[in-house]
Amino acid sequence: SYSRFEQLQCQIRQKLHLGC
């Protein structure tokens, strides 16, 4: 599932250098 929430989580993880 690819929701706006998961899209936000992805951006946050990228900022923390954790990837998606």
N, C-alpha and C. Protein backbone atom coordinates (compact mmCIF):
# COMPACT_ATOMS: atom_id res chain seq x y z
N SER A 1 0.84 -1.21 0.00
CA SER A 1 0.00 0.00 0.00
C SER A 1 0.87 1.25 0.00
N TYR A 2 0.57 2.16 -0.88
CA TYR A 2 1.38 3.37 -0.99
C TYR A 2 0.47 4.58 -0.78
N SER A 3 0.35 4.97 0.48
CA SER A 3 -0.51 6.10 0.81
C SER A 3 0.32 7.35 1.04
N ARG A 4 -0.36 8.46 1.25
CA ARG A 4 0.36 9.72 1.51
C ARG A 4 1.15 9.60 2.81
N PHE A 5 0.61 8.84 3.75
CA PHE A 5 1.31 8.65 5.02
C PHE A 5 2.62 7.92 4.80
N GLU A 6 2.58 6.86 4.00
CA GLU A 6 3.80 6.11 3.72
C GLU A 6 4.78 6.95 2.92
N GLN A 7 4.24 7.85 2.09
CA GLN A 7 5.11 8.73 1.32
C GLN A 7 5.84 9.67 2.28
N LEU A 8 5.14 10.14 3.31
CA LEU A 8 5.76 11.00 4.30
C LEU A 8 6.82 10.22 5.08
N GLN A 9 6.49 8.99 5.46
CA GLN A 9 7.44 8.16 6.18
C GLN A 9 8.70 7.96 5.36
N CYS A 10 8.53 7.78 4.06
CA CYS A 10 9.67 7.59 3.16
C CYS A 10 10.57 8.82 3.17
N GLN A 11 9.97 10.00 3.10
CA GLN A 11 10.76 11.23 3.11
C GLN A 11 11.51 11.38 4.43
N ILE A 12 10.86 11.06 5.53
CA ILE A 12 11.50 11.16 6.84
C ILE A 12 12.67 10.19 6.92
N ARG A 13 12.44 8.95 6.45
CA ARG A 13 13.51 7.95 6.48
C ARG A 13 14.70 8.39 5.63
N GLN A 14 14.41 9.03 4.50
CA GLN A 14 15.50 9.50 3.65
C GLN A 14 16.32 10.56 4.38
N LYS A 15 15.64 11.42 5.14
CA LYS A 15 16.35 12.45 5.88
C LYS A 15 17.23 11.82 6.95
N LEU A 16 16.81 10.68 7.47
CA LEU A 16 17.58 9.98 8.49
C LEU A 16 18.54 8.98 7.86
N HIS A 17 18.60 8.98 6.52
CA HIS A 17 19.49 8.09 5.77
C HIS A 17 19.17 6.63 6.06
N LEU A 18 17.87 6.32 6.16
CA LEU A 18 17.46 4.95 6.42
C LEU A 18 16.91 4.29 5.16
N GLY A 19 16.63 5.09 4.14
CA GLY A 19 16.04 4.55 2.93
C GLY A 19 14.54 4.36 3.11
N CYS A 20 13.92 3.80 2.07
CA CYS A 20 12.46 3.66 2.11
C CYS A 20 12.08 2.24 2.50
